């Protein structure tokens, strides 16, 4: 006796029919899309939050970079030969001297009328002015820098000016017979005549005793010839 015939499942379709399989795959895709939509529901807000954080970090990095790269002070000794630029430097320095430096009694005492005749004095005052600007103005300003300017930088410049120009006067720059003239040109670098001997020794025999200076008798057995 033959048993009852079991009909095929309704969604199985005829053999080779792709529709049921596609329906199942479509259902899986739909569920994945629903899951993804739930997961990304607050994504736009989070993207904006991250963008704001990146902007803040960028600003902070720029500020740190600016603090690490302060502007260099101009040099009077290496200043350009353009009279207009030099005049602008002196005008700016003179204004700062009147506003800041001469407010300190010891500063007023050590700055003679002839300070512009002394390139070393102008150089000192220029960098001191820019150190003050860095301590009090701009992105690099800080209480610590201001304290360093008062405790170390300004007193150091005042002490050096007292030694170099404190006793000078405008009259000393008017040459008269019998008067000692103030040097106006830089001093020669001493010892450069020995460069060849020292370079040869340091390049090839620095572990040996150095050669004796030229013009002196060589010690027997000592140094390089």
N, C-alpha and C. Protein backbone atom coordinates (compact mmCIF):
# COMPACT_ATOMS: atom_id res chain seq x y z
N UNK A 1 0.85 -1.19 0.00
CA UNK A 1 0.00 0.00 0.00
C UNK A 1 0.88 1.23 0.00
N UNK A 2 0.51 2.12 -0.83
CA UNK A 2 1.32 3.33 -0.97
C UNK A 2 0.90 4.35 0.05
N UNK A 3 1.90 4.98 0.75
CA UNK A 3 1.60 5.99 1.78
C UNK A 3 1.12 7.28 1.16
N UNK A 4 0.64 8.19 2.03
CA UNK A 4 0.16 9.49 1.54
C UNK A 4 1.29 10.31 0.91
N UNK A 5 0.95 11.02 -0.09
CA UNK A 5 1.94 11.84 -0.80
C UNK A 5 2.06 13.18 -0.09
N UNK A 6 3.31 13.55 0.32
CA UNK A 6 3.54 14.80 1.05
C UNK A 6 3.78 15.91 0.04
N UNK A 7 2.96 16.95 0.07
CA UNK A 7 3.14 18.04 -0.90
C UNK A 7 4.40 18.84 -0.57
N UNK A 8 4.98 19.45 -1.54
CA UNK A 8 6.18 20.27 -1.30
C UNK A 8 5.83 21.50 -0.47
N UNK A 9 6.84 22.03 0.24
CA UNK A 9 6.63 23.26 1.03
C UNK A 9 6.23 24.39 0.11
N UNK A 10 5.36 25.27 0.60
CA UNK A 10 4.84 26.33 -0.26
C UNK A 10 5.94 27.23 -0.81
N UNK A 11 7.01 27.46 -0.03
CA UNK A 11 8.00 28.44 -0.49
C UNK A 11 9.19 27.79 -1.15
N UNK A 12 9.10 26.45 -1.30
CA UNK A 12 10.27 25.80 -1.89
C UNK A 12 10.35 26.03 -3.38
N UNK A 13 9.19 26.24 -4.00
CA UNK A 13 9.17 26.49 -5.43
C UNK A 13 9.50 25.26 -6.22
N UNK A 14 9.34 25.42 -7.46
CA UNK A 14 9.65 24.30 -8.34
C UNK A 14 11.15 24.13 -8.42
N UNK A 15 11.58 22.92 -8.75
CA UNK A 15 13.02 22.70 -8.87
C UNK A 15 13.64 23.69 -9.84
N UNK A 16 14.75 24.32 -9.38
CA UNK A 16 15.42 25.29 -10.24
C UNK A 16 14.84 26.68 -10.19
N UNK A 17 13.77 26.89 -9.38
CA UNK A 17 13.15 28.23 -9.28
C UNK A 17 13.98 29.08 -8.33
N UNK A 18 14.58 30.23 -8.75
CA UNK A 18 15.46 31.04 -7.89
C UNK A 18 14.70 31.98 -6.97
N UNK A 19 13.41 32.14 -7.13
CA UNK A 19 12.68 33.15 -6.37
C UNK A 19 12.72 32.92 -4.87
N UNK A 20 12.46 31.70 -4.39
CA UNK A 20 12.52 31.49 -2.93
C UNK A 20 13.89 31.83 -2.35
N UNK A 21 14.95 31.45 -3.06
CA UNK A 21 16.29 31.74 -2.56
C UNK A 21 16.55 33.24 -2.50
N UNK A 22 16.08 33.93 -3.54
CA UNK A 22 16.25 35.39 -3.56
C UNK A 22 15.45 36.05 -2.45
N UNK A 23 14.28 35.48 -2.16
CA UNK A 23 13.45 36.04 -1.10
C UNK A 23 14.15 35.91 0.25
N UNK A 24 14.76 34.75 0.47
CA UNK A 24 15.47 34.56 1.73
C UNK A 24 16.66 35.53 1.84
N UNK A 25 17.40 35.68 0.76
CA UNK A 25 18.55 36.59 0.77
C UNK A 25 18.10 38.03 0.98
N UNK A 26 16.97 38.39 0.37
CA UNK A 26 16.44 39.74 0.53
C UNK A 26 16.04 40.00 1.98
N UNK A 27 15.50 38.98 2.62
CA UNK A 27 15.11 39.12 4.02
C UNK A 27 16.34 39.33 4.90
N UNK A 28 17.42 38.59 4.59
CA UNK A 28 18.66 38.76 5.35
C UNK A 28 19.22 40.17 5.17
N UNK A 29 19.21 40.65 3.93
CA UNK A 29 19.71 42.00 3.65
C UNK A 29 18.88 43.04 4.39
N UNK A 30 17.53 42.84 4.39
CA UNK A 30 16.66 43.80 5.07
C UNK A 30 16.98 43.88 6.57
N UNK A 31 17.20 42.70 7.17
CA UNK A 31 17.52 42.69 8.59
C UNK A 31 18.87 43.38 8.86
N UNK A 32 19.83 43.17 7.98
CA UNK A 32 21.13 43.82 8.15
C UNK A 32 21.02 45.33 8.01
N UNK A 33 20.20 45.77 7.06
CA UNK A 33 19.99 47.21 6.88
C UNK A 33 19.34 47.81 8.11
N UNK A 34 18.35 47.10 8.67
CA UNK A 34 17.70 47.61 9.88
C UNK A 34 18.70 47.72 11.03
N UNK A 35 19.55 46.69 11.16
CA UNK A 35 20.57 46.72 12.23
C UNK A 35 21.55 47.87 12.03
N UNK A 36 21.97 48.08 10.77
CA UNK A 36 22.91 49.16 10.48
C UNK A 36 22.28 50.53 10.73
N UNK A 37 21.00 50.66 10.40
CA UNK A 37 20.31 51.93 10.63
C UNK A 37 20.25 52.26 12.12
N UNK A 38 19.98 51.21 12.93
CA UNK A 38 19.94 51.43 14.38
C UNK A 38 21.31 51.83 14.91
N UNK A 39 22.37 51.19 14.35
CA UNK A 39 23.72 51.47 14.85
C UNK A 39 24.19 52.87 14.47
N UNK A 40 23.73 53.36 13.33
CA UNK A 40 24.20 54.67 12.85
C UNK A 40 23.19 55.78 13.10
N UNK A 41 22.25 55.52 13.97
CA UNK A 41 21.20 56.52 14.20
C UNK A 41 21.77 57.84 14.70
N UNK A 42 22.77 57.81 15.60
CA UNK A 42 23.34 59.04 16.14
C UNK A 42 24.66 59.44 15.49
N UNK A 43 24.97 58.84 14.33
CA UNK A 43 26.27 59.08 13.70
C UNK A 43 26.49 60.53 13.27
N UNK A 44 25.53 61.22 12.65
CA UNK A 44 25.79 62.62 12.25
C UNK A 44 26.21 63.50 13.42
N UNK A 45 25.56 63.34 14.56
CA UNK A 45 25.93 64.14 15.72
C UNK A 45 27.33 63.82 16.21
N UNK A 46 27.69 62.54 16.17
CA UNK A 46 29.02 62.15 16.61
C UNK A 46 30.09 62.67 15.66
N UNK A 47 29.78 62.68 14.36
CA UNK A 47 30.73 63.21 13.38
C UNK A 47 30.99 64.69 13.65
N UNK A 48 29.94 65.45 13.95
CA UNK A 48 30.11 66.87 14.27
C UNK A 48 30.93 67.05 15.54
N UNK A 49 30.68 66.18 16.52
CA UNK A 49 31.44 66.26 17.77
C UNK A 49 32.93 66.00 17.54
N UNK A 50 33.22 64.98 16.72
CA UNK A 50 34.62 64.66 16.42
C UNK A 50 35.27 65.79 15.63
N UNK A 51 34.52 66.39 14.70
CA UNK A 51 35.07 67.50 13.92
C UNK A 51 35.42 68.68 14.82
N UNK A 52 34.56 68.95 15.80
CA UNK A 52 34.85 70.03 16.74
C UNK A 52 36.08 69.74 17.57
N UNK A 53 36.23 68.48 17.99
CA UNK A 53 37.40 68.09 18.76
C UNK A 53 38.68 68.24 17.94
N UNK A 54 38.62 67.83 16.68
CA UNK A 54 39.78 67.97 15.80
C UNK A 54 40.16 69.43 15.63
N UNK A 55 39.16 70.30 15.49
CA UNK A 55 39.44 71.73 15.34
C UNK A 55 40.12 72.29 16.58
N UNK A 56 39.65 71.87 17.77
CA UNK A 56 40.28 72.34 19.01
C UNK A 56 41.72 71.85 19.12
N UNK A 57 41.95 70.59 18.76
CA UNK A 57 43.31 70.06 18.82
C UNK A 57 44.22 70.78 17.83
N UNK A 58 43.68 71.13 16.66
CA UNK A 58 44.47 71.87 15.67
C UNK A 58 44.87 73.23 16.21
N UNK A 59 43.93 73.93 16.85
CA UNK A 59 44.24 75.24 17.44
C UNK A 59 45.28 75.11 18.55
N UNK A 60 45.13 74.07 19.37
CA UNK A 60 46.09 73.88 20.47
C UNK A 60 47.48 73.60 19.93
N UNK A 61 47.56 72.78 18.87
CA UNK A 61 48.85 72.47 18.28
C UNK A 61 49.49 73.72 17.68
N UNK A 62 48.67 74.55 17.03
CA UNK A 62 49.21 75.78 16.46
C UNK A 62 49.75 76.70 17.54
N UNK A 63 49.05 76.76 18.68
CA UNK A 63 49.51 77.60 19.79
C UNK A 63 50.82 77.10 20.35
N UNK A 64 50.94 75.78 20.51
CA UNK A 64 52.18 75.20 21.03
C UNK A 64 53.33 75.45 20.06
N UNK A 65 53.06 75.28 18.77
CA UNK A 65 54.09 75.51 17.77
C UNK A 65 54.55 76.96 17.79
N UNK A 66 53.60 77.88 17.95
CA UNK A 66 53.96 79.30 18.01
C UNK A 66 54.82 79.59 19.22
N UNK A 67 54.54 78.96 20.34
CA UNK A 67 55.34 79.18 21.54
C UNK A 67 56.74 78.64 21.38
N UNK A 68 56.88 77.56 20.62
CA UNK A 68 58.20 76.97 20.43
C UNK A 68 59.01 77.69 19.37
N UNK A 69 58.37 78.55 18.60
CA UNK A 69 59.07 79.24 17.52
C UNK A 69 58.88 80.75 17.63
N UNK A 70 59.42 81.37 18.67
CA UNK A 70 59.29 82.82 18.80
C UNK A 70 60.09 83.54 17.73
N UNK A 71 59.69 84.77 17.46
CA UNK A 71 60.40 85.55 16.45
C UNK A 71 61.79 85.92 16.96
N UNK A 72 62.80 85.84 16.10
CA UNK A 72 64.15 86.21 16.53
C UNK A 72 64.28 87.72 16.68
N UNK A 73 65.17 88.13 17.56
CA UNK A 73 65.44 89.56 17.74
C UNK A 73 66.34 90.05 16.63
N UNK A 74 66.14 91.27 16.16
CA UNK A 74 67.06 91.82 15.15
C UNK A 74 68.42 92.10 15.78
N UNK A 75 69.44 92.09 14.97
CA UNK A 75 70.80 92.35 15.45
C UNK A 75 71.31 93.67 14.87
N UNK A 76 71.80 94.54 15.74
CA UNK A 76 72.40 95.78 15.28
C UNK A 76 73.73 95.51 14.58
N UNK A 77 74.45 94.52 15.07
CA UNK A 77 75.76 94.20 14.48
C UNK A 77 75.62 93.58 13.10
N UNK A 78 74.49 92.93 12.83
CA UNK A 78 74.25 92.31 11.53
C UNK A 78 73.11 92.99 10.78
N UNK A 79 72.79 94.20 11.18
CA UNK A 79 71.66 94.91 10.58
C UNK A 79 71.95 95.24 9.12
N UNK A 80 70.91 95.33 8.30
CA UNK A 80 71.11 95.70 6.89
C UNK A 80 71.63 97.13 6.77
N UNK A 81 72.16 97.44 5.61
CA UNK A 81 72.76 98.76 5.41
C UNK A 81 71.75 99.79 4.91
N UNK A 82 70.49 99.42 4.85
CA UNK A 82 69.45 100.35 4.40
C UNK A 82 69.21 101.40 5.50
N UNK A 83 69.45 102.68 5.22
CA UNK A 83 69.27 103.71 6.26
C UNK A 83 67.85 103.76 6.81
N UNK A 84 66.85 103.52 5.97
CA UNK A 84 65.47 103.57 6.44
C UNK A 84 65.20 102.47 7.47
N UNK A 85 65.71 101.27 7.21
CA UNK A 85 65.51 100.17 8.16
C UNK A 85 66.24 100.45 9.47
N UNK A 86 67.45 100.98 9.37
CA UNK A 86 68.20 101.30 10.58
C UNK A 86 67.51 102.40 11.38
N UNK A 87 66.99 103.38 10.68
CA UNK A 87 66.28 104.47 11.36
C UNK A 87 65.04 103.94 12.08
N UNK A 88 64.33 103.01 11.44
CA UNK A 88 63.15 102.43 12.07
C UNK A 88 63.53 101.64 13.32
N UNK A 89 64.65 100.91 13.25
CA UNK A 89 65.11 100.16 14.42
C UNK A 89 65.41 101.08 15.59
N UNK A 90 66.13 102.18 15.30
CA UNK A 90 66.52 103.10 16.37
C UNK A 90 65.29 103.82 16.93
N UNK A 91 64.35 104.17 16.07
CA UNK A 91 63.14 104.84 16.56
C UNK A 91 62.35 103.92 17.49
N UNK A 92 62.20 102.67 17.08
CA UNK A 92 61.48 101.72 17.93
C UNK A 92 62.19 101.51 19.25
N UNK A 93 63.52 101.37 19.19
CA UNK A 93 64.29 101.16 20.40
C UNK A 93 64.22 102.39 21.31
N UNK A 94 64.34 103.58 20.72
CA UNK A 94 64.27 104.80 21.53
C UNK A 94 62.94 104.94 22.24
N UNK A 95 61.86 104.60 21.56
CA UNK A 95 60.54 104.67 22.18
C UNK A 95 60.43 103.70 23.35
N UNK A 96 60.98 102.49 23.16
CA UNK A 96 60.92 101.50 24.24
C UNK A 96 61.80 101.91 25.42
N UNK A 97 62.95 102.49 25.13
CA UNK A 97 63.83 102.95 26.21
C UNK A 97 63.11 103.98 27.08
N UNK A 98 62.43 104.92 26.43
CA UNK A 98 61.73 105.96 27.19
C UNK A 98 60.55 105.39 27.97
N UNK A 99 59.88 104.40 27.40
CA UNK A 99 58.67 103.86 28.02
C UNK A 99 58.97 102.85 29.12
N UNK A 100 60.02 102.05 28.92
CA UNK A 100 60.28 100.93 29.84
C UNK A 100 61.64 101.05 30.53
N UNK A 101 62.71 101.00 29.75
CA UNK A 101 64.05 100.84 30.33
C UNK A 101 64.42 101.97 31.27
N UNK A 102 64.17 103.20 30.89
CA UNK A 102 64.58 104.34 31.70
C UNK A 102 63.67 104.57 32.90
N UNK A 103 62.61 103.78 33.01
CA UNK A 103 61.77 103.84 34.21
C UNK A 103 62.49 103.24 35.42
N UNK A 104 63.49 102.43 35.14
CA UNK A 104 64.27 101.82 36.21
C UNK A 104 65.47 102.73 36.52
N UNK A 105 65.64 103.16 37.75
CA UNK A 105 66.71 104.11 38.07
C UNK A 105 68.10 103.63 37.66
N UNK A 106 68.40 102.35 37.85
CA UNK A 106 69.73 101.88 37.47
C UNK A 106 69.91 101.88 35.96
N UNK A 107 68.81 101.70 35.23
CA UNK A 107 68.89 101.80 33.77
C UNK A 107 69.21 103.21 33.32
N UNK A 108 68.56 104.19 33.94
CA UNK A 108 68.82 105.59 33.60
C UNK A 108 70.24 105.99 33.96
N UNK A 109 70.80 105.39 35.01
CA UNK A 109 72.15 105.76 35.44
C UNK A 109 73.23 105.25 34.49
N UNK A 110 73.00 104.09 33.87
CA UNK A 110 74.08 103.49 33.07
C UNK A 110 74.01 103.86 31.60
N UNK A 111 72.94 104.50 31.16
CA UNK A 111 72.80 104.79 29.73
C UNK A 111 73.30 106.21 29.44
N UNK A 112 74.49 106.33 28.85
CA UNK A 112 75.02 107.66 28.57
C UNK A 112 74.41 108.25 27.30
N UNK A 113 74.65 109.52 27.11
CA UNK A 113 74.12 110.19 25.91
C UNK A 113 74.72 109.61 24.64
N UNK A 114 75.90 109.02 24.76
CA UNK A 114 76.61 108.53 23.58
C UNK A 114 76.34 107.05 23.30
N UNK A 115 75.26 106.50 23.84
CA UNK A 115 75.04 105.06 23.69
C UNK A 115 74.94 104.63 22.24
N UNK A 116 74.46 105.51 21.37
CA UNK A 116 74.36 105.13 19.95
C UNK A 116 75.72 105.00 19.29
N UNK A 117 76.76 105.56 19.90
CA UNK A 117 78.12 105.42 19.37
C UNK A 117 78.73 104.07 19.73
N UNK A 118 78.03 103.30 20.53
CA UNK A 118 78.56 102.02 21.02
C UNK A 118 77.72 100.88 20.44
N UNK A 119 78.18 100.24 19.37
CA UNK A 119 77.39 99.16 18.76
C UNK A 119 77.05 98.04 19.73
N UNK A 120 77.96 97.74 20.66
CA UNK A 120 77.67 96.67 21.61
C UNK A 120 76.51 97.05 22.53
N UNK A 121 76.42 98.33 22.89
CA UNK A 121 75.33 98.77 23.75
C UNK A 121 73.99 98.71 23.00
N UNK A 122 74.00 99.12 21.74
CA UNK A 122 72.77 99.06 20.94
C UNK A 122 72.32 97.60 20.79
N UNK A 123 73.27 96.72 20.56
CA UNK A 123 72.95 95.29 20.42
C UNK A 123 72.30 94.75 21.70
N UNK A 124 72.87 95.09 22.84
CA UNK A 124 72.32 94.63 24.11
C UNK A 124 70.90 95.15 24.31
N UNK A 125 70.70 96.41 24.04
CA UNK A 125 69.39 97.02 24.28
C UNK A 125 68.34 96.48 23.31
N UNK A 126 68.75 96.18 22.08
CA UNK A 126 67.80 95.64 21.11
C UNK A 126 67.26 94.28 21.55
N UNK A 127 68.17 93.38 21.94
CA UNK A 127 67.66 92.06 22.33
C UNK A 127 66.88 92.14 23.64
N UNK A 128 67.28 93.06 24.53
CA UNK A 128 66.54 93.20 25.78
C UNK A 128 65.12 93.70 25.51
N UNK A 129 64.98 94.60 24.55
CA UNK A 129 63.65 95.08 24.18
C UNK A 129 62.79 93.93 23.64
N UNK A 130 63.37 93.10 22.80
CA UNK A 130 62.59 92.00 22.23
C UNK A 130 62.31 90.91 23.26
N UNK A 131 63.20 90.75 24.22
CA UNK A 131 62.91 89.82 25.31
C UNK A 131 61.73 90.33 26.14
N UNK A 132 61.66 91.64 26.34
CA UNK A 132 60.53 92.23 27.06
C UNK A 132 59.24 92.03 26.27
N UNK A 133 59.29 92.24 24.96
CA UNK A 133 58.10 92.05 24.12
C UNK A 133 57.63 90.60 24.17
N UNK A 134 58.57 89.66 24.14
CA UNK A 134 58.20 88.24 24.20
C UNK A 134 57.59 87.89 25.55
N UNK A 135 58.04 88.56 26.61
CA UNK A 135 57.54 88.26 27.95
C UNK A 135 56.16 88.85 28.20
N UNK A 136 55.86 89.99 27.56
CA UNK A 136 54.63 90.71 27.88
C UNK A 136 53.60 90.73 26.76
N UNK A 137 53.99 90.41 25.54
CA UNK A 137 53.08 90.56 24.42
C UNK A 137 53.07 89.30 23.57
N UNK A 138 51.96 89.06 22.88
CA UNK A 138 51.88 87.97 21.92
C UNK A 138 51.66 86.61 22.55
N UNK A 139 51.74 85.58 21.69
CA UNK A 139 51.42 84.22 22.11
C UNK A 139 52.41 83.65 23.10
N UNK A 140 53.63 84.16 23.12
CA UNK A 140 54.65 83.60 24.01
C UNK A 140 54.70 84.28 25.37
N UNK A 141 53.86 85.27 25.59
CA UNK A 141 53.90 86.01 26.86
C UNK A 141 53.54 85.10 28.03
N UNK A 142 54.24 85.28 29.14
CA UNK A 142 53.95 84.48 30.33
C UNK A 142 54.52 85.17 31.56
N UNK A 143 53.96 84.81 32.70
CA UNK A 143 54.46 85.36 33.96
C UNK A 143 55.90 84.92 34.20
N UNK A 144 56.20 83.67 33.86
CA UNK A 144 57.56 83.17 34.04
C UNK A 144 58.57 83.94 33.22
N UNK A 145 58.21 84.25 31.96
CA UNK A 145 59.12 85.01 31.11
C UNK A 145 59.31 86.43 31.64
N UNK A 146 58.24 87.02 32.16
CA UNK A 146 58.36 88.36 32.74
C UNK A 146 59.26 88.34 33.97
N UNK A 147 59.11 87.32 34.80
CA UNK A 147 59.97 87.20 35.97
C UNK A 147 61.43 87.03 35.58
N UNK A 148 61.68 86.24 34.54
CA UNK A 148 63.05 86.03 34.08
C UNK A 148 63.64 87.32 33.54
N UNK A 149 62.81 88.12 32.89
CA UNK A 149 63.28 89.40 32.37
C UNK A 149 63.72 90.31 33.51
N UNK A 150 62.94 90.34 34.59
CA UNK A 150 63.28 91.20 35.72
C UNK A 150 64.45 90.65 36.55
N UNK A 151 64.45 89.35 36.77
CA UNK A 151 65.45 88.76 37.66
C UNK A 151 66.81 88.58 37.01
N UNK A 152 66.83 88.28 35.71
CA UNK A 152 68.08 87.89 35.08
C UNK A 152 68.47 88.76 33.89
N UNK A 153 67.55 88.94 32.96
CA UNK A 153 67.92 89.58 31.70
C UNK A 153 68.21 91.08 31.87
N UNK A 154 67.27 91.81 32.45
CA UNK A 154 67.49 93.26 32.60
C UNK A 154 68.69 93.56 33.50
N UNK A 155 68.81 92.93 34.69
CA UNK A 155 69.99 93.22 35.51
C UNK A 155 71.30 92.86 34.82
N UNK A 156 71.29 91.79 34.01
CA UNK A 156 72.52 91.41 33.31
C UNK A 156 72.94 92.47 32.31
N UNK A 157 71.99 93.00 31.55
CA UNK A 157 72.32 94.04 30.58
C UNK A 157 72.78 95.31 31.30
N UNK A 158 72.10 95.67 32.37
CA UNK A 158 72.49 96.87 33.12
C UNK A 158 73.93 96.74 33.63
N UNK A 159 74.27 95.57 34.15
CA UNK A 159 75.63 95.37 34.67
C UNK A 159 76.67 95.48 33.56
N UNK A 160 76.38 94.92 32.40
CA UNK A 160 77.35 94.99 31.30
C UNK A 160 77.46 96.40 30.75
N UNK A 161 76.34 97.12 30.67
CA UNK A 161 76.40 98.51 30.21
C UNK A 161 77.19 99.37 31.19
N UNK A 162 77.04 99.10 32.46
CA UNK A 162 77.78 99.88 33.46
C UNK A 162 79.29 99.73 33.24
N UNK A 163 79.72 98.52 32.91
CA UNK A 163 81.15 98.28 32.70
C UNK A 163 81.64 98.84 31.37
N UNK A 164 80.82 98.73 30.33
CA UNK A 164 81.31 99.08 29.00
C UNK A 164 81.11 100.55 28.64
N UNK A 165 80.00 101.15 29.05
CA UNK A 165 79.73 102.53 28.63
C UNK A 165 79.33 103.44 29.79
N UNK A 166 79.29 102.90 30.99
CA UNK A 166 78.79 103.68 32.11
C UNK A 166 79.59 104.94 32.39
N UNK A 167 80.89 104.91 32.11
CA UNK A 167 81.73 106.08 32.38
C UNK A 167 82.03 106.90 31.13
N UNK A 168 81.38 106.55 30.02
CA UNK A 168 81.65 107.27 28.77
C UNK A 168 80.77 108.52 28.69
N UNK A 169 81.13 109.41 27.78
CA UNK A 169 80.36 110.63 27.59
C UNK A 169 80.44 111.04 26.13
N UNK A 170 79.57 111.93 25.73
CA UNK A 170 79.53 112.36 24.34
C UNK A 170 80.82 113.08 23.95
N UNK A 171 81.48 113.70 24.94
CA UNK A 171 82.72 114.43 24.64
C UNK A 171 83.85 113.49 24.22
N UNK A 172 83.84 112.28 24.71
CA UNK A 172 84.91 111.34 24.36
C UNK A 172 84.87 110.96 22.88
N UNK A 173 83.77 111.22 22.24
CA UNK A 173 83.65 110.89 20.82
C UNK A 173 83.97 112.09 19.93
N UNK A 174 84.54 113.13 20.54
CA UNK A 174 85.02 114.29 19.80
C UNK A 174 86.55 114.30 19.92
N UNK A 175 87.26 113.68 18.98
CA UNK A 175 88.71 113.52 19.11
C UNK A 175 89.42 114.86 19.28
N UNK A 176 90.34 114.90 20.23
CA UNK A 176 91.18 116.07 20.47
C UNK A 176 92.61 115.58 20.68
N UNK A 177 93.57 116.38 20.34
CA UNK A 177 94.97 115.97 20.57
C UNK A 177 95.20 115.60 22.02
N UNK A 178 95.78 114.42 22.23
CA UNK A 178 96.07 113.97 23.58
C UNK A 178 94.94 113.22 24.24
N UNK A 179 93.77 113.19 23.63
CA UNK A 179 92.65 112.46 24.22
C UNK A 179 92.70 111.01 23.74
N UNK A 180 92.31 110.11 24.59
CA UNK A 180 92.22 108.71 24.17
C UNK A 180 90.93 108.51 23.40
N UNK A 181 91.05 107.93 22.23
CA UNK A 181 89.87 107.75 21.38
C UNK A 181 89.16 106.44 21.72
N UNK A 182 87.85 106.48 21.61
CA UNK A 182 87.05 105.27 21.82
C UNK A 182 87.15 104.41 20.57
N UNK A 183 87.50 103.13 20.69
CA UNK A 183 87.60 102.27 19.50
C UNK A 183 86.28 102.25 18.73
N UNK A 184 86.38 102.42 17.41
CA UNK A 184 85.17 102.44 16.59
C UNK A 184 85.04 101.22 15.69
N UNK A 185 86.08 100.42 15.61
CA UNK A 185 86.03 99.23 14.76
C UNK A 185 86.18 97.99 15.64
N UNK A 186 85.68 96.85 15.17
CA UNK A 186 85.79 95.63 15.99
C UNK A 186 87.24 95.20 16.14
N UNK A 187 87.53 94.60 17.27
CA UNK A 187 88.89 94.11 17.52
C UNK A 187 89.18 92.93 16.61
N UNK A 188 90.45 92.79 16.26
CA UNK A 188 90.85 91.65 15.44
C UNK A 188 90.77 90.37 16.27
N UNK A 189 90.40 89.29 15.60
CA UNK A 189 90.34 88.00 16.28
C UNK A 189 91.76 87.51 16.50
N UNK A 190 92.17 87.31 17.74
CA UNK A 190 93.56 86.88 17.99
C UNK A 190 93.77 85.41 17.64
N UNK A 191 94.99 85.09 17.28
CA UNK A 191 95.37 83.69 17.12
C UNK A 191 95.04 83.05 15.79
N UNK A 192 94.41 83.77 14.86
CA UNK A 192 94.04 83.14 13.59
C UNK A 192 95.25 82.75 12.75
N UNK A 193 96.41 83.34 13.04
CA UNK A 193 97.60 82.97 12.30
C UNK A 193 98.06 81.55 12.56
N UNK A 194 97.56 80.95 13.63
CA UNK A 194 97.93 79.58 13.96
C UNK A 194 96.93 78.55 13.42
N UNK A 195 95.98 79.00 12.62
CA UNK A 195 94.91 78.11 12.18
C UNK A 195 95.44 76.87 11.48
N UNK A 196 96.39 77.05 10.54
CA UNK A 196 96.88 75.92 9.76
C UNK A 196 97.47 74.83 10.63
N UNK A 197 98.30 75.21 11.60
CA UNK A 197 98.94 74.21 12.45
C UNK A 197 97.92 73.49 13.32
N UNK A 198 96.98 74.24 13.87
CA UNK A 198 95.99 73.63 14.75
C UNK A 198 95.04 72.72 13.96
N UNK A 199 94.63 73.16 12.78
CA UNK A 199 93.73 72.34 11.96
C UNK A 199 94.42 71.04 11.56
N UNK A 200 95.70 71.14 11.17
CA UNK A 200 96.43 69.93 10.80
C UNK A 200 96.56 68.96 11.96
N UNK A 201 96.83 69.51 13.14
CA UNK A 201 96.95 68.65 14.33
C UNK A 201 95.61 68.01 14.69
N UNK A 202 94.55 68.81 14.69
CA UNK A 202 93.25 68.29 15.11
C UNK A 202 92.69 67.29 14.10
N UNK A 203 93.05 67.46 12.83
CA UNK A 203 92.54 66.56 11.79
C UNK A 203 93.24 65.21 11.80
N UNK A 204 94.53 65.21 12.12
CA UNK A 204 95.29 63.97 11.95
C UNK A 204 95.95 63.45 13.21
N UNK A 205 96.07 64.27 14.25
CA UNK A 205 96.80 63.79 15.42
C UNK A 205 96.29 64.35 16.72
N UNK A 206 94.97 64.47 16.84
CA UNK A 206 94.42 65.11 18.04
C UNK A 206 94.69 64.33 19.32
N UNK A 207 95.07 63.05 19.19
CA UNK A 207 95.40 62.27 20.38
C UNK A 207 96.85 62.49 20.83
N UNK A 208 97.60 63.24 20.04
CA UNK A 208 98.98 63.57 20.38
C UNK A 208 99.03 64.97 20.99
N UNK A 209 100.15 65.33 21.62
CA UNK A 209 100.28 66.69 22.15
C UNK A 209 100.16 67.71 21.01
N UNK A 210 99.59 68.87 21.27
CA UNK A 210 99.43 69.87 20.20
C UNK A 210 100.77 70.47 19.80
N UNK A 211 100.85 71.01 18.59
CA UNK A 211 102.10 71.66 18.16
C UNK A 211 102.33 72.95 18.94
N UNK A 212 103.58 73.32 19.06
CA UNK A 212 103.89 74.58 19.72
C UNK A 212 103.59 75.74 18.77
N UNK A 213 103.28 76.90 19.29
CA UNK A 213 102.97 78.04 18.42
C UNK A 213 104.12 78.38 17.50
N UNK A 214 103.78 78.87 16.31
CA UNK A 214 104.81 79.27 15.35
C UNK A 214 105.62 80.43 15.92
N UNK A 215 106.91 80.42 15.60
CA UNK A 215 107.77 81.49 16.09
C UNK A 215 108.48 81.15 17.37
N UNK A 216 108.15 79.98 17.95
CA UNK A 216 108.82 79.53 19.15
C UNK A 216 109.60 78.27 18.83
N UNK A 217 110.74 78.05 19.47
CA UNK A 217 111.50 76.83 19.19
C UNK A 217 110.72 75.59 19.59
N UNK A 218 110.76 74.59 18.73
CA UNK A 218 110.06 73.34 19.01
C UNK A 218 110.73 72.62 20.17
N UNK A 219 109.93 72.09 21.08
CA UNK A 219 110.48 71.27 22.15
C UNK A 219 110.87 69.92 21.57
N UNK A 220 111.99 69.40 22.01
CA UNK A 220 112.47 68.14 21.45
C UNK A 220 111.48 67.03 21.73
N UNK A 221 111.04 66.40 20.64
CA UNK A 221 110.14 65.26 20.77
C UNK A 221 108.72 65.62 21.09
N UNK A 222 108.35 66.90 21.11
CA UNK A 222 106.99 67.27 21.48
C UNK A 222 106.23 67.84 20.32
N UNK A 223 105.01 67.44 20.15
CA UNK A 223 104.11 68.02 19.16
C UNK A 223 104.41 67.55 17.76
N UNK A 224 103.67 68.15 16.83
CA UNK A 224 103.80 67.81 15.42
C UNK A 224 104.61 68.88 14.72
N UNK A 225 105.37 68.52 13.72
CA UNK A 225 106.15 69.49 12.98
C UNK A 225 105.32 70.28 12.03
